[in-house]
Amino acid sequence: MAIEMARLPEGTRVRVKATMIPLEPGVAGRTGTVIVTSDYATKRLGVALDGDDGIRVFMPSELEVIGEVALPPERQAAKLRPALP
């Protein structure tokens, strides 16, 4: 059994892409920022679209990453260290 985790961290810049699920007209192609993630609801992300006041909910498959959140310095340094044998 695999443990699912939120795929996109809060603060990630995304673009809404068209999928098989019908979206509201005019939402596809818009950009925004991931605001709400949860390890309990991994199939839903709250996104604040640019120019909107509210938060909309999308599935990760409906979003394309256009800007990733920078890792804290200690996490970036840990990625560069070789793994222990």
PDB file of N, CA and C in Angstrom:
ATOM      1  N   MET A   1       0.842  -1.182   0.000  1.00  0.00           N
ATOM      2  CA  MET A   1       0.000   0.000   0.000  1.00  0.00           C
ATOM      3  C   MET A   1       0.885   1.243   0.000  1.00  0.00           C
ATOM      4  N   ALA A   2       0.649   2.122  -0.931  1.00  0.00           N
ATOM      5  CA  ALA A   2       1.435   3.352  -1.048  1.00  0.00           C
ATOM      6  C   ALA A   2       0.782   4.472  -0.250  1.00  0.00           C
ATOM      7  N   ILE A   3       1.604   5.311   0.320  1.00  0.00           N
ATOM      8  CA  ILE A   3       1.113   6.477   1.047  1.00  0.00           C
ATOM      9  C   ILE A   3       1.107   7.640   0.072  1.00  0.00           C
ATOM     10  N   GLU A   4      -0.070   8.221  -0.139  1.00  0.00           N
ATOM     11  CA  GLU A   4      -0.173   9.352  -1.055  1.00  0.00           C
ATOM     12  C   GLU A   4       0.110  10.648  -0.312  1.00  0.00           C
ATOM     13  N   MET A   5       0.773  11.554  -1.014  1.00  0.00           N
ATOM     14  CA  MET A   5       1.087  12.862  -0.450  1.00  0.00           C
ATOM     15  C   MET A   5       0.679  13.918  -1.461  1.00  0.00           C
ATOM     16  N   ALA A   6       0.493  15.128  -0.989  1.00  0.00           N
ATOM     17  CA  ALA A   6       0.175  16.226  -1.888  1.00  0.00           C
ATOM     18  C   ALA A   6       1.310  16.387  -2.889  1.00  0.00           C
ATOM     19  N   ARG A   7       0.983  16.446  -4.154  1.00  0.00           N
ATOM     20  CA  ARG A   7       2.010  16.500  -5.206  1.00  0.00           C
ATOM     21  C   ARG A   7       2.627  17.875  -5.384  1.00  0.00           C
ATOM     22  N   LEU A   8       1.847  18.895  -5.165  1.00  0.00           N
ATOM     23  CA  LEU A   8       2.337  20.252  -5.375  1.00  0.00           C
ATOM     24  C   LEU A   8       2.314  21.018  -4.059  1.00  0.00           C
ATOM     25  N   PRO A   9       3.450  21.545  -3.637  1.00  0.00           N
ATOM     26  CA  PRO A   9       3.466  22.295  -2.373  1.00  0.00           C
ATOM     27  C   PRO A   9       2.784  23.655  -2.517  1.00  0.00           C
ATOM     28  N   GLU A  10       2.342  24.189  -1.399  1.00  0.00           N
ATOM     29  CA  GLU A  10       1.741  25.519  -1.402  1.00  0.00           C
ATOM     30  C   GLU A  10       2.751  26.529  -1.913  1.00  0.00           C
ATOM     31  N   GLY A  11       2.273  27.459  -2.724  1.00  0.00           N
ATOM     32  CA  GLY A  11       3.138  28.480  -3.302  1.00  0.00           C
ATOM     33  C   GLY A  11       3.566  28.172  -4.726  1.00  0.00           C
ATOM     34  N   THR A  12       3.281  26.957  -5.214  1.00  0.00           N
ATOM     35  CA  THR A  12       3.649  26.582  -6.575  1.00  0.00           C
ATOM     36  C   THR A  12       2.788  27.350  -7.569  1.00  0.00           C
ATOM     37  N   ARG A  13       3.417  27.906  -8.593  1.00  0.00           N
ATOM     38  CA  ARG A  13       2.683  28.598  -9.658  1.00  0.00           C
ATOM     39  C   ARG A  13       2.226  27.556 -10.669  1.00  0.00           C
ATOM     40  N   VAL A  14       0.957  27.650 -11.089  1.00  0.00           N
ATOM     41  CA  VAL A  14       0.372  26.661 -11.992  1.00  0.00           C
ATOM     42  C   VAL A  14      -0.445  27.332 -13.084  1.00  0.00           C
ATOM     43  N   ARG A  15      -0.693  26.561 -14.146  1.00  0.00           N
ATOM     44  CA  ARG A  15      -1.595  26.959 -15.231  1.00  0.00           C
ATOM     45  C   ARG A  15      -2.650  25.873 -15.336  1.00  0.00           C
ATOM     46  N   VAL A  16      -3.913  26.262 -15.440  1.00  0.00           N
ATOM     47  CA  VAL A  16      -5.005  25.299 -15.575  1.00  0.00           C
ATOM     48  C   VAL A  16      -5.001  24.777 -17.003  1.00  0.00           C
ATOM     49  N   LYS A  17      -5.046  23.432 -17.139  1.00  0.00           N
ATOM     50  CA  LYS A  17      -5.071  22.855 -18.477  1.00  0.00           C
ATOM     51  C   LYS A  17      -6.382  22.110 -18.688  1.00  0.00           C
ATOM     52  N   ALA A  18      -6.799  22.047 -19.929  1.00  0.00           N
ATOM     53  CA  ALA A  18      -8.033  21.353 -20.279  1.00  0.00           C
ATOM     54  C   ALA A  18      -7.828  19.849 -20.145  1.00  0.00           C
ATOM     55  N   THR A  19      -8.811  19.159 -19.576  1.00  0.00           N
ATOM     56  CA  THR A  19      -8.764  17.710 -19.408  1.00  0.00           C
ATOM     57  C   THR A  19     -10.081  17.125 -19.893  1.00  0.00           C
ATOM     58  N   MET A  20     -10.252  15.831 -19.676  1.00  0.00           N
ATOM     59  CA  MET A  20     -11.480  15.169 -20.069  1.00  0.00           C
ATOM     60  C   MET A  20     -12.679  15.661 -19.243  1.00  0.00           C
ATOM     61  N   ILE A  21     -12.414  16.128 -18.049  1.00  0.00           N
ATOM     62  CA  ILE A  21     -13.489  16.637 -17.189  1.00  0.00           C
ATOM     63  C   ILE A  21     -13.816  18.062 -17.626  1.00  0.00           C
ATOM     64  N   PRO A  22     -15.077  18.360 -17.877  1.00  0.00           N
ATOM     65  CA  PRO A  22     -15.411  19.730 -18.321  1.00  0.00           C
ATOM     66  C   PRO A  22     -15.123  20.766 -17.237  1.00  0.00           C
ATOM     67  N   LEU A  23     -14.452  21.819 -17.622  1.00  0.00           N
ATOM     68  CA  LEU A  23     -14.161  22.929 -16.716  1.00  0.00           C
ATOM     69  C   LEU A  23     -15.123  24.067 -17.000  1.00  0.00           C
ATOM     70  N   GLU A  24     -15.147  25.036 -16.112  1.00  0.00           N
ATOM     71  CA  GLU A  24     -15.904  26.253 -16.384  1.00  0.00           C
ATOM     72  C   GLU A  24     -15.331  26.897 -17.644  1.00  0.00           C
ATOM     73  N   PRO A  25     -16.176  27.477 -18.469  1.00  0.00           N
ATOM     74  CA  PRO A  25     -15.643  28.170 -19.649  1.00  0.00           C
ATOM     75  C   PRO A  25     -14.697  29.296 -19.235  1.00  0.00           C
ATOM     76  N   GLY A  26     -13.590  29.411 -19.911  1.00  0.00           N
ATOM     77  CA  GLY A  26     -12.641  30.489 -19.639  1.00  0.00           C
ATOM     78  C   GLY A  26     -11.626  30.200 -18.546  1.00  0.00           C
ATOM     79  N   VAL A  27     -11.680  29.050 -17.893  1.00  0.00           N
ATOM     80  CA  VAL A  27     -10.723  28.745 -16.827  1.00  0.00           C
ATOM     81  C   VAL A  27      -9.453  28.129 -17.400  1.00  0.00           C
ATOM     82  N   ALA A  28      -9.577  27.315 -18.439  1.00  0.00           N
ATOM     83  CA  ALA A  28      -8.397  26.684 -19.038  1.00  0.00           C
ATOM     84  C   ALA A  28      -7.439  27.755 -19.545  1.00  0.00           C
ATOM     85  N   GLY A  29      -6.162  27.585 -19.222  1.00  0.00           N
ATOM     86  CA  GLY A  29      -5.141  28.531 -19.645  1.00  0.00           C
ATOM     87  C   GLY A  29      -4.834  29.614 -18.630  1.00  0.00           C
ATOM     88  N   ARG A  30      -5.667  29.762 -17.614  1.00  0.00           N
ATOM     89  CA  ARG A  30      -5.418  30.787 -16.592  1.00  0.00           C
ATOM     90  C   ARG A  30      -4.334  30.323 -15.632  1.00  0.00           C
ATOM     91  N   THR A  31      -3.643  31.263 -15.032  1.00  0.00           N
ATOM     92  CA  THR A  31      -2.569  30.947 -14.087  1.00  0.00           C
ATOM     93  C   THR A  31      -2.996  31.312 -12.672  1.00  0.00           C
ATOM     94  N   GLY A  32      -2.295  30.706 -11.712  1.00  0.00           N
ATOM     95  CA  GLY A  32      -2.591  30.980 -10.320  1.00  0.00           C
ATOM     96  C   GLY A  32      -1.537  30.376  -9.418  1.00  0.00           C
ATOM     97  N   THR A  33      -1.818  30.377  -8.120  1.00  0.00           N
ATOM     98  CA  THR A  33      -0.905  29.874  -7.106  1.00  0.00           C
ATOM     99  C   THR A  33      -1.628  28.861  -6.234  1.00  0.00           C
ATOM    100  N   VAL A  34      -0.955  27.724  -5.965  1.00  0.00           N
ATOM    101  CA  VAL A  34      -1.526  26.720  -5.063  1.00  0.00           C
ATOM    102  C   VAL A  34      -1.516  27.311  -3.659  1.00  0.00           C
ATOM    103  N   ILE A  35      -2.688  27.340  -3.034  1.00  0.00           N
ATOM    104  CA  ILE A  35      -2.851  27.947  -1.721  1.00  0.00           C
ATOM    105  C   ILE A  35      -3.122  26.899  -0.657  1.00  0.00           C
ATOM    106  N   VAL A  36      -3.893  25.855  -1.002  1.00  0.00           N
ATOM    107  CA  VAL A  36      -4.313  24.862  -0.017  1.00  0.00           C
ATOM    108  C   VAL A  36      -3.959  23.460  -0.497  1.00  0.00           C
ATOM    109  N   THR A  37      -3.195  22.720   0.308  1.00  0.00           N
ATOM    110  CA  THR A  37      -2.922  21.310   0.044  1.00  0.00           C
ATOM    111  C   THR A  37      -3.219  20.528   1.320  1.00  0.00           C
ATOM    112  N   SER A  38      -3.444  19.239   1.154  1.00  0.00           N
ATOM    113  CA  SER A  38      -3.722  18.403   2.315  1.00  0.00           C
ATOM    114  C   SER A  38      -3.219  17.001   2.042  1.00  0.00           C
ATOM    115  N   ASP A  39      -2.592  16.395   3.031  1.00  0.00           N
ATOM    116  CA  ASP A  39      -2.167  15.003   2.896  1.00  0.00           C
ATOM    117  C   ASP A  39      -3.352  14.057   3.009  1.00  0.00           C
ATOM    118  N   TYR A  40      -4.503  14.546   3.432  1.00  0.00           N
ATOM    119  CA  TYR A  40      -5.701  13.722   3.550  1.00  0.00           C
ATOM    120  C   TYR A  40      -6.546  13.755   2.289  1.00  0.00           C
ATOM    121  N   ALA A  41      -6.496  14.845   1.553  1.00  0.00           N
ATOM    122  CA  ALA A  41      -7.249  14.988   0.306  1.00  0.00           C
ATOM    123  C   ALA A  41      -6.261  15.268  -0.818  1.00  0.00           C
ATOM    124  N   THR A  42      -5.522  14.238  -1.231  1.00  0.00           N
ATOM    125  CA  THR A  42      -4.430  14.419  -2.186  1.00  0.00           C
ATOM    126  C   THR A  42      -4.915  14.670  -3.608  1.00  0.00           C
ATOM    127  N   LYS A  43      -6.178  14.443  -3.884  1.00  0.00           N
ATOM    128  CA  LYS A  43      -6.716  14.639  -5.231  1.00  0.00           C
ATOM    129  C   LYS A  43      -7.331  16.021  -5.419  1.00  0.00           C
ATOM    130  N   ARG A  44      -7.186  16.899  -4.429  1.00  0.00           N
ATOM    131  CA  ARG A  44      -7.760  18.241  -4.503  1.00  0.00           C
ATOM    132  C   ARG A  44      -6.734  19.269  -4.055  1.00  0.00           C
ATOM    133  N   LEU A  45      -6.623  20.325  -4.839  1.00  0.00           N
ATOM    134  CA  LEU A  45      -5.727  21.430  -4.494  1.00  0.00           C
ATOM    135  C   LEU A  45      -6.513  22.731  -4.582  1.00  0.00           C
ATOM    136  N   GLY A  46      -6.354  23.591  -3.599  1.00  0.00           N
ATOM    137  CA  GLY A  46      -6.978  24.904  -3.645  1.00  0.00           C
ATOM    138  C   GLY A  46      -6.048  25.875  -4.349  1.00  0.00           C
ATOM    139  N   VAL A  47      -6.562  26.530  -5.389  1.00  0.00           N
ATOM    140  CA  VAL A  47      -5.753  27.433  -6.204  1.00  0.00           C
ATOM    141  C   VAL A  47      -6.413  28.808  -6.239  1.00  0.00           C
ATOM    142  N   ALA A  48      -5.618  29.834  -6.013  1.00  0.00           N
ATOM    143  CA  ALA A  48      -6.068  31.215  -6.175  1.00  0.00           C
ATOM    144  C   ALA A  48      -5.654  31.650  -7.572  1.00  0.00           C
ATOM    145  N   LEU A  49      -6.637  31.760  -8.465  1.00  0.00           N
ATOM    146  CA  LEU A  49      -6.335  32.184  -9.825  1.00  0.00           C
ATOM    147  C   LEU A  49      -6.036  33.678  -9.841  1.00  0.00           C
ATOM    148  N   ASP A  50      -5.098  34.075 -10.683  1.00  0.00           N
ATOM    149  CA  ASP A  50      -4.722  35.481 -10.790  1.00  0.00           C
ATOM    150  C   ASP A  50      -5.949  36.314 -11.176  1.00  0.00           C
ATOM    151  N   GLY A  51      -6.204  37.371 -10.419  1.00  0.00           N
ATOM    152  CA  GLY A  51      -7.319  38.256 -10.703  1.00  0.00           C
ATOM    153  C   GLY A  51      -8.621  37.868 -10.026  1.00  0.00           C
ATOM    154  N   ASP A  52      -8.677  36.700  -9.358  1.00  0.00           N
ATOM    155  CA  ASP A  52      -9.877  36.263  -8.634  1.00  0.00           C
ATOM    156  C   ASP A  52      -9.685  36.468  -7.142  1.00  0.00           C
ATOM    157  N   ASP A  53     -10.787  36.659  -6.435  1.00  0.00           N
ATOM    158  CA  ASP A  53     -10.721  36.826  -4.982  1.00  0.00           C
ATOM    159  C   ASP A  53     -10.799  35.505  -4.242  1.00  0.00           C
ATOM    160  N   GLY A  54     -11.516  34.526  -4.779  1.00  0.00           N
ATOM    161  CA  GLY A  54     -11.730  33.275  -4.077  1.00  0.00           C
ATOM    162  C   GLY A  54     -10.705  32.202  -4.423  1.00  0.00           C
ATOM    163  N   ILE A  55     -10.918  31.040  -3.803  1.00  0.00           N
ATOM    164  CA  ILE A  55     -10.074  29.875  -4.060  1.00  0.00           C
ATOM    165  C   ILE A  55     -10.900  28.840  -4.803  1.00  0.00           C
ATOM    166  N   ARG A  56     -10.342  28.290  -5.867  1.00  0.00           N
ATOM    167  CA  ARG A  56     -11.014  27.235  -6.630  1.00  0.00           C
ATOM    168  C   ARG A  56     -10.296  25.921  -6.381  1.00  0.00           C
ATOM    169  N   VAL A  57     -11.040  24.830  -6.480  1.00  0.00           N
ATOM    170  CA  VAL A  57     -10.488  23.503  -6.230  1.00  0.00           C
ATOM    171  C   VAL A  57     -10.257  22.789  -7.559  1.00  0.00           C
ATOM    172  N   PHE A  58      -9.047  22.223  -7.723  1.00  0.00           N
ATOM    173  CA  PHE A  58      -8.684  21.482  -8.928  1.00  0.00           C
ATOM    174  C   PHE A  58      -8.041  20.162  -8.539  1.00  0.00           C
ATOM    175  N   MET A  59      -8.097  19.206  -9.449  1.00  0.00           N
ATOM    176  CA  MET A  59      -7.343  17.969  -9.288  1.00  0.00           C
ATOM    177  C   MET A  59      -5.936  18.229  -9.820  1.00  0.00           C
ATOM    178  N   PRO A  60      -4.915  17.528  -9.299  1.00  0.00           N
ATOM    179  CA  PRO A  60      -3.550  17.739  -9.790  1.00  0.00           C
ATOM    180  C   PRO A  60      -3.420  17.536 -11.305  1.00  0.00           C
ATOM    181  N   SER A  61      -4.209  16.637 -11.884  1.00  0.00           N
ATOM    182  CA  SER A  61      -4.119  16.388 -13.327  1.00  0.00           C
ATOM    183  C   SER A  61      -4.623  17.567 -14.162  1.00  0.00           C
ATOM    184  N   GLU A  62      -5.335  18.503 -13.537  1.00  0.00           N
ATOM    185  CA  GLU A  62      -5.845  19.675 -14.245  1.00  0.00           C
ATOM    186  C   GLU A  62      -4.867  20.844 -14.221  1.00  0.00           C
ATOM    187  N   LEU A  63      -3.718  20.661 -13.561  1.00  0.00           N
ATOM    188  CA  LEU A  63      -2.773  21.759 -13.381  1.00  0.00           C
ATOM    189  C   LEU A  63      -1.418  21.435 -13.982  1.00  0.00           C
ATOM    190  N   GLU A  64      -0.812  22.435 -14.576  1.00  0.00           N
ATOM    191  CA  GLU A  64       0.540  22.331 -15.145  1.00  0.00           C
ATOM    192  C   GLU A  64       1.442  23.268 -14.338  1.00  0.00           C
ATOM    193  N   VAL A  65       2.562  22.768 -13.847  1.00  0.00           N
ATOM    194  CA  VAL A  65       3.479  23.582 -13.049  1.00  0.00           C
ATOM    195  C   VAL A  65       4.234  24.534 -13.963  1.00  0.00           C
ATOM    196  N   ILE A  66       4.216  25.816 -13.605  1.00  0.00           N
ATOM    197  CA  ILE A  66       4.978  26.803 -14.380  1.00  0.00           C
ATOM    198  C   ILE A  66       6.046  27.476 -13.523  1.00  0.00           C
ATOM    199  N   GLY A  67       6.009  27.259 -12.202  1.00  0.00           N
ATOM    200  CA  GLY A  67       7.017  27.825 -11.307  1.00  0.00           C
ATOM    201  C   GLY A  67       7.013  27.080  -9.988  1.00  0.00           C
ATOM    202  N   GLU A  68       8.144  26.491  -9.644  1.00  0.00           N
ATOM    203  CA  GLU A  68       8.227  25.711  -8.412  1.00  0.00           C
ATOM    204  C   GLU A  68       8.688  26.576  -7.250  1.00  0.00           C
ATOM    205  N   VAL A  69       8.329  26.154  -6.063  1.00  0.00           N
ATOM    206  CA  VAL A  69       8.732  26.845  -4.842  1.00  0.00           C
ATOM    207  C   VAL A  69      10.177  26.475  -4.541  1.00  0.00           C
ATOM    208  N   ALA A  70      10.978  27.470  -4.190  1.00  0.00           N
ATOM    209  CA  ALA A  70      12.374  27.200  -3.828  1.00  0.00           C
ATOM    210  C   ALA A  70      12.427  26.471  -2.491  1.00  0.00           C
ATOM    211  N   LEU A  71      13.301  25.482  -2.404  1.00  0.00           N
ATOM    212  CA  LEU A  71      13.476  24.747  -1.155  1.00  0.00           C
ATOM    213  C   LEU A  71      14.225  25.606  -0.145  1.00  0.00           C
ATOM    214  N   PRO A  72      13.957  25.410   1.163  1.00  0.00           N
ATOM    215  CA  PRO A  72      14.750  26.109   2.174  1.00  0.00           C
ATOM    216  C   PRO A  72      16.221  25.709   2.031  1.00  0.00           C
ATOM    217  N   PRO A  73      17.166  26.564   2.424  1.00  0.00           N
ATOM    218  CA  PRO A  73      18.592  26.280   2.242  1.00  0.00           C
ATOM    219  C   PRO A  73      19.033  24.930   2.810  1.00  0.00           C
ATOM    220  N   GLU A  74      18.512  24.535   3.980  1.00  0.00           N
ATOM    221  CA  GLU A  74      18.936  23.263   4.571  1.00  0.00           C
ATOM    222  C   GLU A  74      18.443  22.067   3.764  1.00  0.00           C
ATOM    223  N   ARG A  75      17.262  22.177   3.145  1.00  0.00           N
ATOM    224  CA  ARG A  75      16.745  21.080   2.298  1.00  0.00           C
ATOM    225  C   ARG A  75      17.540  20.994   0.995  1.00  0.00           C
ATOM    226  N   GLN A  76      17.887  22.150   0.423  1.00  0.00           N
ATOM    227  CA  GLN A  76      18.676  22.159  -0.808  1.00  0.00           C
ATOM    228  C   GLN A  76      20.057  21.564  -0.554  1.00  0.00           C
ATOM    229  N   ALA A  77      20.678  21.903   0.585  1.00  0.00           N
ATOM    230  CA  ALA A  77      21.989  21.354   0.937  1.00  0.00           C
ATOM    231  C   ALA A  77      21.907  19.841   1.138  1.00  0.00           C
ATOM    232  N   ALA A  78      20.818  19.363   1.729  1.00  0.00           N
ATOM    233  CA  ALA A  78      20.647  17.923   1.956  1.00  0.00           C
ATOM    234  C   ALA A  78      20.532  17.180   0.627  1.00  0.00           C
ATOM    235  N   LYS A  79      19.898  17.785  -0.363  1.00  0.00           N
ATOM    236  CA  LYS A  79      19.785  17.142  -1.678  1.00  0.00           C
ATOM    237  C   LYS A  79      21.142  16.965  -2.356  1.00  0.00           C
ATOM    238  N   LEU A  80      22.079  17.855  -2.046  1.00  0.00           N
ATOM    239  CA  LEU A  80      23.386  17.818  -2.694  1.00  0.00           C
ATOM    240  C   LEU A  80      24.351  16.835  -2.025  1.00  0.00           C
ATOM    241  N   ARG A  81      24.072  16.432  -0.786  1.00  0.00           N
ATOM    242  CA  ARG A  81      24.951  15.501  -0.082  1.00  0.00           C
ATOM    243  C   ARG A  81      24.769  14.086  -0.630  1.00  0.00           C
ATOM    244  N   PRO A  82      25.854  13.309  -0.704  1.00  0.00           N
ATOM    245  CA  PRO A  82      25.716  11.918  -1.171  1.00  0.00           C
ATOM    246  C   PRO A  82      24.938  11.084  -0.151  1.00  0.00           C
ATOM    247  N   ALA A  83      24.243  10.083  -0.648  1.00  0.00           N
ATOM    248  CA  ALA A  83      23.477   9.200   0.233  1.00  0.00           C
ATOM    249  C   ALA A  83      24.410   8.305   1.031  1.00  0.00           C
ATOM    250  N   LEU A  84      23.979   7.915   2.206  1.00  0.00           N
ATOM    251  CA  LEU A  84      24.743   7.009   3.029  1.00  0.00           C
ATOM    252  C   LEU A  84      24.661   5.590   2.450  1.00  0.00           C
ATOM    253  N   PRO A  85      25.732   4.812   2.615  1.00  0.00           N
ATOM    254  CA  PRO A  85      25.682   3.435   2.083  1.00  0.00           C
ATOM    255  C   PRO A  85      24.727   2.554   2.827  1.00  0.00           C
TER     256      PRO A  85
END
